[in-house]
Amino acid sequence: MKLIGWALAAAGLAGLLTLVWWQGFAAPAEYLFGTATPADEAAYCLAVAERISEITRGQGDPVLEAHLDEQVALWRGHVADRSGAGRAALGRDTQSPEVNEQAHLHLAVQDCANRAVAFYGHRFAGFD
């Protein structure tokens, strides 16, 4: 009886893992912030880092400022000619009355850093 229970649990787990694996192939490629291309995503991330730098005027925590400088340098290399699109999209996302710009920027800069590490394999010096 116990063996049947374990077998059913194992079969159910195998079925769930197979379903997740199969759905992963069917999922569309997604870029951060609803952008359509890697260049648009990079432009958005560049706009985020530049906007935070504008707000802090280089007077923030030195570790944060160094991280922002690294992000700006990284994303500039991936933007191509789409930097204006990133600024426009960021402006659209932060001008909504229900959006707190500071909170949006805080989360966005983290998402961009995670994307840089996970997708581009970038190593931020400040993370060491």
N, C-alpha and C. Protein backbone atom coordinates (compact mmCIF):
# COMPACT_ATOMS: atom_id res chain seq x y z
N MET A 1 0.82 -1.19 0.00
CA MET A 1 0.00 0.00 0.00
C MET A 1 0.87 1.27 0.00
N LYS A 2 1.91 1.23 0.84
CA LYS A 2 2.81 2.37 0.92
C LYS A 2 3.55 2.56 -0.41
N LEU A 3 3.89 1.45 -1.04
CA LEU A 3 4.60 1.49 -2.31
C LEU A 3 3.75 2.13 -3.40
N ILE A 4 2.47 1.85 -3.39
CA ILE A 4 1.55 2.44 -4.38
C ILE A 4 1.47 3.95 -4.18
N GLY A 5 1.42 4.39 -2.94
CA GLY A 5 1.38 5.82 -2.64
C GLY A 5 2.63 6.54 -3.14
N TRP A 6 3.79 5.94 -2.89
CA TRP A 6 5.05 6.53 -3.37
C TRP A 6 5.11 6.54 -4.90
N ALA A 7 4.63 5.48 -5.51
CA ALA A 7 4.64 5.41 -6.97
C ALA A 7 3.73 6.48 -7.57
N LEU A 8 2.56 6.68 -6.98
CA LEU A 8 1.65 7.73 -7.46
C LEU A 8 2.24 9.12 -7.26
N ALA A 9 2.88 9.33 -6.14
CA ALA A 9 3.51 10.64 -5.87
C ALA A 9 4.64 10.89 -6.87
N ALA A 10 5.45 9.85 -7.12
CA ALA A 10 6.55 10.00 -8.08
C ALA A 10 6.03 10.25 -9.49
N ALA A 11 4.97 9.55 -9.87
CA ALA A 11 4.38 9.76 -11.20
C ALA A 11 3.79 11.16 -11.32
N GLY A 12 3.14 11.63 -10.27
CA GLY A 12 2.58 12.99 -10.27
C GLY A 12 3.68 14.04 -10.38
N LEU A 13 4.75 13.85 -9.63
CA LEU A 13 5.88 14.79 -9.68
C LEU A 13 6.53 14.78 -11.06
N ALA A 14 6.72 13.60 -11.62
CA ALA A 14 7.30 13.50 -12.96
C ALA A 14 6.39 14.19 -13.98
N GLY A 15 5.09 14.02 -13.83
CA GLY A 15 4.15 14.68 -14.74
C GLY A 15 4.22 16.20 -14.63
N LEU A 16 4.30 16.71 -13.41
CA LEU A 16 4.40 18.17 -13.22
C LEU A 16 5.71 18.72 -13.80
N LEU A 17 6.81 18.03 -13.55
CA LEU A 17 8.09 18.48 -14.10
C LEU A 17 8.08 18.47 -15.62
N THR A 18 7.48 17.44 -16.21
CA THR A 18 7.37 17.37 -17.67
C THR A 18 6.51 18.51 -18.20
N LEU A 19 5.42 18.81 -17.53
CA LEU A 19 4.54 19.89 -17.95
C LEU A 19 5.26 21.24 -17.88
N VAL A 20 5.98 21.50 -16.81
CA VAL A 20 6.73 22.76 -16.69
C VAL A 20 7.79 22.85 -17.77
N TRP A 21 8.50 21.76 -17.99
CA TRP A 21 9.54 21.74 -19.03
C TRP A 21 8.94 22.00 -20.40
N TRP A 22 7.83 21.37 -20.70
CA TRP A 22 7.17 21.53 -22.00
C TRP A 22 6.66 22.96 -22.17
N GLN A 23 6.06 23.53 -21.14
CA GLN A 23 5.54 24.90 -21.21
C GLN A 23 6.66 25.91 -21.39
N GLY A 24 7.82 25.62 -20.87
CA GLY A 24 8.97 26.52 -21.03
C GLY A 24 9.34 26.71 -22.49
N PHE A 25 9.19 25.68 -23.29
CA PHE A 25 9.48 25.80 -24.71
C PHE A 25 8.40 26.58 -25.44
N ALA A 26 7.19 26.51 -24.95
CA ALA A 26 6.08 27.19 -25.61
C ALA A 26 5.98 28.66 -25.23
N ALA A 27 6.66 29.05 -24.16
CA ALA A 27 6.55 30.43 -23.68
C ALA A 27 7.26 31.38 -24.64
N PRO A 28 6.66 32.53 -24.91
CA PRO A 28 7.31 33.49 -25.78
C PRO A 28 8.51 34.13 -25.07
N ALA A 29 9.48 34.53 -25.85
CA ALA A 29 10.62 35.24 -25.28
C ALA A 29 10.13 36.58 -24.75
N GLU A 30 10.50 36.91 -23.54
CA GLU A 30 10.05 38.16 -22.96
C GLU A 30 11.24 39.02 -22.58
N TYR A 31 11.07 40.30 -22.76
CA TYR A 31 12.06 41.26 -22.34
C TYR A 31 11.47 42.08 -21.21
N LEU A 32 12.32 42.68 -20.42
CA LEU A 32 11.87 43.46 -19.27
C LEU A 32 11.00 44.64 -19.69
N PHE A 33 10.06 45.00 -18.85
CA PHE A 33 9.26 46.21 -18.97
C PHE A 33 8.41 46.27 -20.24
N GLY A 34 8.07 45.11 -20.79
CA GLY A 34 7.22 45.07 -21.98
C GLY A 34 7.90 45.54 -23.24
N THR A 35 9.22 45.54 -23.25
CA THR A 35 9.95 45.95 -24.45
C THR A 35 9.93 44.83 -25.48
N ALA A 36 10.17 45.20 -26.73
CA ALA A 36 10.02 44.23 -27.82
C ALA A 36 11.32 43.60 -28.29
N THR A 37 12.44 44.26 -28.05
CA THR A 37 13.73 43.76 -28.54
C THR A 37 14.79 43.91 -27.46
N PRO A 38 15.90 43.21 -27.61
CA PRO A 38 16.99 43.39 -26.64
C PRO A 38 17.51 44.84 -26.61
N ALA A 39 17.54 45.50 -27.76
CA ALA A 39 18.02 46.89 -27.80
C ALA A 39 17.06 47.81 -27.04
N ASP A 40 15.76 47.57 -27.17
CA ASP A 40 14.78 48.37 -26.43
C ASP A 40 14.90 48.13 -24.93
N GLU A 41 15.10 46.88 -24.56
CA GLU A 41 15.29 46.54 -23.15
C GLU A 41 16.54 47.24 -22.60
N ALA A 42 17.62 47.20 -23.35
CA ALA A 42 18.86 47.85 -22.93
C ALA A 42 18.65 49.36 -22.83
N ALA A 43 17.90 49.94 -23.76
CA ALA A 43 17.63 51.37 -23.73
C ALA A 43 16.83 51.74 -22.49
N TYR A 44 15.88 50.91 -22.12
CA TYR A 44 15.09 51.16 -20.91
C TYR A 44 15.99 51.09 -19.68
N CYS A 45 16.82 50.07 -19.60
CA CYS A 45 17.73 49.93 -18.46
C CYS A 45 18.73 51.08 -18.40
N LEU A 46 19.20 51.52 -19.55
CA LEU A 46 20.08 52.68 -19.59
C LEU A 46 19.36 53.91 -19.07
N ALA A 47 18.12 54.09 -19.49
CA ALA A 47 17.34 55.25 -19.03
C ALA A 47 17.12 55.19 -17.52
N VAL A 48 16.90 54.01 -16.98
CA VAL A 48 16.71 53.86 -15.53
C VAL A 48 17.98 54.28 -14.79
N ALA A 49 19.12 53.75 -15.21
CA ALA A 49 20.39 54.08 -14.53
C ALA A 49 20.70 55.57 -14.65
N GLU A 50 20.47 56.13 -15.84
CA GLU A 50 20.73 57.57 -16.02
C GLU A 50 19.77 58.42 -15.20
N ARG A 51 18.52 58.02 -15.10
CA ARG A 51 17.55 58.80 -14.32
C ARG A 51 17.90 58.78 -12.84
N ILE A 52 18.31 57.65 -12.32
CA ILE A 52 18.72 57.59 -10.92
C ILE A 52 19.95 58.46 -10.70
N SER A 53 20.88 58.43 -11.64
CA SER A 53 22.07 59.29 -11.53
C SER A 53 21.69 60.76 -11.55
N GLU A 54 20.68 61.12 -12.35
CA GLU A 54 20.21 62.50 -12.37
C GLU A 54 19.63 62.90 -11.01
N ILE A 55 18.90 62.00 -10.41
CA ILE A 55 18.26 62.29 -9.12
C ILE A 55 19.31 62.43 -8.02
N THR A 56 20.29 61.51 -7.99
CA THR A 56 21.29 61.54 -6.92
C THR A 56 22.39 62.56 -7.18
N ARG A 57 22.55 62.96 -8.42
CA ARG A 57 23.59 63.93 -8.82
C ARG A 57 24.99 63.51 -8.37
N GLY A 58 25.21 62.21 -8.31
CA GLY A 58 26.51 61.70 -7.90
C GLY A 58 26.80 61.82 -6.42
N GLN A 59 25.81 62.23 -5.64
CA GLN A 59 26.01 62.44 -4.21
C GLN A 59 25.49 61.29 -3.35
N GLY A 60 25.04 60.22 -3.98
CA GLY A 60 24.50 59.08 -3.24
C GLY A 60 25.61 58.23 -2.65
N ASP A 61 25.22 57.11 -2.13
CA ASP A 61 26.18 56.16 -1.58
C ASP A 61 27.21 55.81 -2.66
N PRO A 62 28.50 55.86 -2.34
CA PRO A 62 29.53 55.59 -3.36
C PRO A 62 29.40 54.23 -4.03
N VAL A 63 28.97 53.23 -3.28
CA VAL A 63 28.78 51.89 -3.88
C VAL A 63 27.66 51.93 -4.91
N LEU A 64 26.55 52.61 -4.57
CA LEU A 64 25.44 52.74 -5.51
C LEU A 64 25.87 53.53 -6.75
N GLU A 65 26.59 54.60 -6.55
CA GLU A 65 27.04 55.42 -7.68
C GLU A 65 27.95 54.63 -8.61
N ALA A 66 28.85 53.83 -8.03
CA ALA A 66 29.73 52.99 -8.85
C ALA A 66 28.92 51.95 -9.62
N HIS A 67 27.92 51.39 -8.96
CA HIS A 67 27.06 50.40 -9.62
C HIS A 67 26.28 51.04 -10.78
N LEU A 68 25.77 52.24 -10.55
CA LEU A 68 25.05 52.95 -11.62
C LEU A 68 25.97 53.24 -12.79
N ASP A 69 27.19 53.66 -12.50
CA ASP A 69 28.16 53.92 -13.58
C ASP A 69 28.42 52.65 -14.38
N GLU A 70 28.53 51.52 -13.68
CA GLU A 70 28.73 50.25 -14.37
C GLU A 70 27.53 49.89 -15.24
N GLN A 71 26.33 50.12 -14.72
CA GLN A 71 25.13 49.81 -15.50
C GLN A 71 25.07 50.71 -16.74
N VAL A 72 25.35 51.99 -16.58
CA VAL A 72 25.32 52.89 -17.73
C VAL A 72 26.30 52.41 -18.80
N ALA A 73 27.51 52.08 -18.38
CA ALA A 73 28.51 51.60 -19.35
C ALA A 73 28.07 50.31 -20.03
N LEU A 74 27.52 49.38 -19.26
CA LEU A 74 27.06 48.12 -19.83
C LEU A 74 25.95 48.33 -20.84
N TRP A 75 24.89 49.05 -20.44
CA TRP A 75 23.72 49.18 -21.30
C TRP A 75 24.00 50.04 -22.52
N ARG A 76 24.91 50.99 -22.43
CA ARG A 76 25.25 51.78 -23.62
C ARG A 76 25.80 50.89 -24.73
N GLY A 77 26.49 49.85 -24.35
CA GLY A 77 27.03 48.92 -25.34
C GLY A 77 25.99 48.06 -26.02
N HIS A 78 24.78 48.01 -25.48
CA HIS A 78 23.73 47.16 -26.03
C HIS A 78 22.57 47.93 -26.65
N VAL A 79 22.61 49.24 -26.57
CA VAL A 79 21.47 50.07 -26.96
C VAL A 79 21.32 50.23 -28.47
N ALA A 80 22.40 50.24 -29.19
CA ALA A 80 22.38 50.58 -30.62
C ALA A 80 21.92 52.03 -30.74
N ASP A 81 20.84 52.29 -31.44
CA ASP A 81 20.36 53.67 -31.62
C ASP A 81 19.01 53.87 -30.95
N ARG A 82 18.70 53.10 -29.91
CA ARG A 82 17.37 53.10 -29.31
C ARG A 82 17.28 53.85 -27.97
N SER A 83 18.29 54.65 -27.60
CA SER A 83 18.27 55.28 -26.28
C SER A 83 17.07 56.20 -26.08
N GLY A 84 16.62 56.87 -27.14
CA GLY A 84 15.44 57.73 -27.03
C GLY A 84 14.19 56.93 -26.71
N ALA A 85 14.10 55.75 -27.26
CA ALA A 85 12.93 54.89 -26.99
C ALA A 85 12.91 54.47 -25.53
N GLY A 86 14.06 54.24 -24.95
CA GLY A 86 14.12 53.86 -23.54
C GLY A 86 13.67 54.99 -22.64
N ARG A 87 14.12 56.19 -22.93
CA ARG A 87 13.70 57.36 -22.13
C ARG A 87 12.19 57.58 -22.25
N ALA A 88 11.68 57.45 -23.46
CA ALA A 88 10.24 57.64 -23.68
C ALA A 88 9.43 56.59 -22.92
N ALA A 89 9.86 55.34 -22.97
CA ALA A 89 9.13 54.27 -22.28
C ALA A 89 9.21 54.45 -20.76
N LEU A 90 10.37 54.84 -20.26
CA LEU A 90 10.49 55.08 -18.82
C LEU A 90 9.61 56.25 -18.40
N GLY A 91 9.61 57.30 -19.18
CA GLY A 91 8.76 58.44 -18.88
C GLY A 91 7.29 58.06 -18.85
N ARG A 92 6.87 57.26 -19.80
CA ARG A 92 5.48 56.79 -19.85
C ARG A 92 5.15 55.96 -18.62
N ASP A 93 6.06 55.09 -18.22
CA ASP A 93 5.80 54.22 -17.08
C ASP A 93 5.80 54.96 -15.74
N THR A 94 6.56 56.03 -15.63
CA THR A 94 6.65 56.72 -14.34
C THR A 94 5.72 57.93 -14.22
N GLN A 95 5.09 58.35 -15.30
CA GLN A 95 4.21 59.51 -15.25
C GLN A 95 2.78 59.17 -14.85
N SER A 96 2.48 57.92 -14.78
CA SER A 96 1.13 57.51 -14.37
C SER A 96 0.90 57.93 -12.93
N PRO A 97 -0.29 58.46 -12.60
CA PRO A 97 -0.53 58.95 -11.24
C PRO A 97 -0.40 57.90 -10.14
N GLU A 98 -0.67 56.65 -10.46
CA GLU A 98 -0.59 55.62 -9.42
C GLU A 98 0.80 55.03 -9.26
N VAL A 99 1.77 55.52 -10.02
CA VAL A 99 3.13 54.98 -9.96
C VAL A 99 4.03 55.93 -9.16
N ASN A 100 4.73 55.37 -8.19
CA ASN A 100 5.73 56.11 -7.45
C ASN A 100 7.05 55.97 -8.21
N GLU A 101 7.55 57.08 -8.75
CA GLU A 101 8.75 57.02 -9.59
C GLU A 101 9.93 56.42 -8.84
N GLN A 102 10.14 56.83 -7.61
CA GLN A 102 11.29 56.33 -6.84
C GLN A 102 11.20 54.81 -6.67
N ALA A 103 10.03 54.31 -6.34
CA ALA A 103 9.85 52.87 -6.16
C ALA A 103 10.05 52.13 -7.48
N HIS A 104 9.50 52.69 -8.56
CA HIS A 104 9.65 52.05 -9.87
C HIS A 104 11.12 51.98 -10.26
N LEU A 105 11.85 53.07 -10.06
CA LEU A 105 13.27 53.09 -10.40
C LEU A 105 14.06 52.10 -9.54
N HIS A 106 13.72 52.03 -8.27
CA HIS A 106 14.40 51.12 -7.36
C HIS A 106 14.25 49.67 -7.83
N LEU A 107 13.04 49.28 -8.18
CA LEU A 107 12.81 47.92 -8.65
C LEU A 107 13.39 47.69 -10.04
N ALA A 108 13.29 48.70 -10.89
CA ALA A 108 13.79 48.56 -12.26
C ALA A 108 15.30 48.39 -12.31
N VAL A 109 16.02 49.14 -11.48
CA VAL A 109 17.48 49.02 -11.50
C VAL A 109 17.91 47.64 -11.01
N GLN A 110 17.14 47.07 -10.09
CA GLN A 110 17.42 45.70 -9.65
C GLN A 110 17.13 44.70 -10.76
N ASP A 111 16.00 44.87 -11.43
CA ASP A 111 15.66 43.97 -12.54
C ASP A 111 16.72 44.04 -13.64
N CYS A 112 17.18 45.24 -13.92
CA CYS A 112 18.20 45.41 -14.96
C CYS A 112 19.51 44.75 -14.55
N ALA A 113 19.89 44.89 -13.30
CA ALA A 113 21.12 44.25 -12.82
C ALA A 113 20.99 42.74 -12.90
N ASN A 114 19.84 42.23 -12.50
CA ASN A 114 19.62 40.78 -12.58
C ASN A 114 19.67 40.30 -14.02
N ARG A 115 19.10 41.06 -14.95
CA ARG A 115 19.13 40.69 -16.37
C ARG A 115 20.57 40.70 -16.88
N ALA A 116 21.33 41.71 -16.48
CA ALA A 116 22.72 41.81 -16.93
C ALA A 116 23.52 40.59 -16.48
N VAL A 117 23.28 40.14 -15.26
CA VAL A 117 24.01 39.00 -14.73
C VAL A 117 23.51 37.70 -15.36
N ALA A 118 22.20 37.50 -15.37
CA ALA A 118 21.64 36.23 -15.82
C ALA A 118 21.67 36.05 -17.33
N PHE A 119 21.38 37.11 -18.08
CA PHE A 119 21.24 36.98 -19.53
C PHE A 119 22.55 37.27 -20.27
N TYR A 120 23.27 38.31 -19.80
CA TYR A 120 24.49 38.72 -20.48
C TYR A 120 25.76 38.20 -19.80
N GLY A 121 25.61 37.60 -18.63
CA GLY A 121 26.77 37.07 -17.92
C GLY A 121 27.70 38.15 -17.38
N HIS A 122 27.18 39.33 -17.18
CA HIS A 122 27.99 40.44 -16.69
C HIS A 122 28.31 40.25 -15.21
N ARG A 123 29.51 40.63 -14.83
CA ARG A 123 29.89 40.59 -13.41
C ARG A 123 30.12 42.02 -12.95
N PHE A 124 29.29 42.47 -12.04
CA PHE A 124 29.46 43.81 -11.49
C PHE A 124 30.53 43.78 -10.42
N ALA A 125 31.47 44.70 -10.51
CA ALA A 125 32.57 44.75 -9.55
C ALA A 125 32.05 44.96 -8.12
N GLY A 126 30.98 45.73 -8.00
CA GLY A 126 30.42 45.99 -6.68
C GLY A 126 29.77 44.79 -6.03
N PHE A 127 29.50 43.74 -6.82
CA PHE A 127 28.87 42.54 -6.26
C PHE A 127 29.89 41.58 -5.68
N ASP A 128 31.18 41.80 -5.97
CA ASP A 128 32.23 40.88 -5.49
C ASP A 128 32.51 41.08 -4.02
